Protein backbone atom coordinates (compact mmCIF):
# COMPACT_ATOMS: atom_id res chain seq x y z
CA MET A 1 -0.10 -17.49 -7.64
CA THR A 2 -2.83 -17.35 -10.27
CA VAL A 3 -4.95 -15.21 -7.97
CA GLY A 4 -2.18 -13.18 -6.35
CA LEU A 5 -0.34 -11.96 -9.42
CA PRO A 6 -3.22 -10.41 -11.39
CA ALA A 7 -4.58 -8.75 -8.26
CA VAL A 8 -1.26 -7.05 -7.49
CA ASP A 9 -0.22 -6.48 -11.12
CA THR A 10 -2.96 -3.91 -11.74
CA VAL A 11 -1.39 -1.60 -9.15
CA TRP A 12 2.23 -2.68 -8.94
CA LYS A 13 4.32 -4.49 -11.57
CA ILE A 14 5.32 -7.60 -9.57
CA SER A 15 7.84 -9.90 -11.29
CA VAL A 16 6.12 -12.99 -12.68
CA ASP A 17 9.49 -14.33 -13.84
CA ALA A 18 10.85 -14.25 -10.28
CA ALA A 19 7.66 -15.83 -8.94
CA VAL A 20 7.80 -18.74 -11.35
CA ALA A 21 11.54 -19.31 -10.85
CA SER A 22 11.14 -19.34 -7.07
CA ASP A 23 8.06 -21.54 -7.20
CA VAL A 24 9.73 -24.15 -9.40
CA VAL A 25 12.82 -24.37 -7.19
CA ALA A 26 10.83 -24.56 -3.95
CA LEU A 27 8.48 -27.20 -5.34
CA LEU A 28 11.33 -29.36 -6.65
CA ALA A 29 13.12 -29.08 -3.30
CA ALA A 30 9.98 -30.05 -1.38
CA VAL A 31 8.98 -32.93 -3.62
CA HIS A 32 12.29 -34.43 -4.71
CA SER A 33 15.35 -33.41 -2.70
CA PRO A 34 16.64 -30.46 -0.67
CA TRP A 35 19.58 -30.38 -3.09
CA TRP A 36 17.24 -28.59 -5.49
CA LEU A 37 17.55 -25.53 -3.25
CA LEU A 38 20.82 -24.92 -5.07
CA GLY A 39 18.57 -23.93 -7.95
CA TYR A 40 17.99 -20.64 -6.15
CA ALA A 41 21.31 -19.60 -7.67
CA MET A 42 19.61 -19.70 -11.08
CA ALA A 43 16.49 -18.06 -9.67
CA SER A 44 18.73 -15.28 -8.31
CA ALA A 45 20.20 -14.87 -11.78
CA VAL A 46 16.70 -14.44 -13.19
CA CYS A 47 15.90 -11.86 -10.51
CA TRP A 48 19.13 -9.96 -11.09
CA THR A 49 18.53 -9.90 -14.84
CA ARG A 50 15.05 -8.41 -14.42
CA VAL A 51 16.47 -5.59 -12.28
CA ALA A 52 19.56 -5.05 -14.47
CA LEU A 53 17.42 -4.70 -17.61
CA GLY A 54 15.23 -2.16 -15.84
CA TYR A 55 12.02 -4.16 -16.12
CA HIS A 56 11.48 -4.27 -12.34
CA THR A 57 12.72 -2.76 -9.12
CA ARG A 58 14.37 -4.86 -6.42
CA ALA A 59 11.21 -4.72 -4.34
CA GLN A 60 9.07 -6.02 -7.21
CA VAL A 61 11.47 -8.90 -7.83
CA LEU A 62 11.68 -9.81 -4.13
CA ALA A 63 7.89 -9.71 -3.85
CA GLY A 64 7.59 -12.00 -6.86
CA ALA A 65 10.12 -14.47 -5.45
CA ALA A 66 8.34 -14.45 -2.08
CA LEU A 67 4.98 -15.03 -3.74
CA GLY A 68 6.41 -17.99 -5.66
CA ALA A 69 7.80 -19.61 -2.51
CA ALA A 70 4.55 -18.92 -0.63
CA THR A 71 2.60 -20.61 -3.41
CA THR A 72 4.61 -23.79 -2.84
CA VAL A 73 3.92 -23.66 0.90
CA VAL A 74 0.18 -23.26 0.32
CA TYR A 75 0.18 -26.03 -2.28
CA LEU A 76 1.87 -28.47 0.11
CA LEU A 77 -0.39 -27.78 3.11
CA PRO A 78 -2.62 -30.69 4.03
CA PRO A 79 -6.22 -30.30 2.92
CA LEU A 80 -8.82 -29.14 5.40
CA PRO A 81 -11.08 -31.85 6.84
CA PRO A 82 -14.58 -31.95 5.42
CA PRO A 83 -17.26 -30.18 7.44
CA PRO A 84 -19.39 -32.38 9.71
């Protein structure tokens, strides 16, 4: 997320708030319990608020939420084996 957001943000105003909310929920669900997926209700509230206040479009918020969830997937992938 640290690399993806600044690269996109220079051209398109992706929602960092949505990315962080989605990343936190996905990481908690993966590490602790799938019950944490209910936290996406709060993440949805964050996303809705960003659109309702006019700070972002729906596409920018959805892209931010997707980037946050993708960050969790990348973080939880097993490391590559060392080269021979």
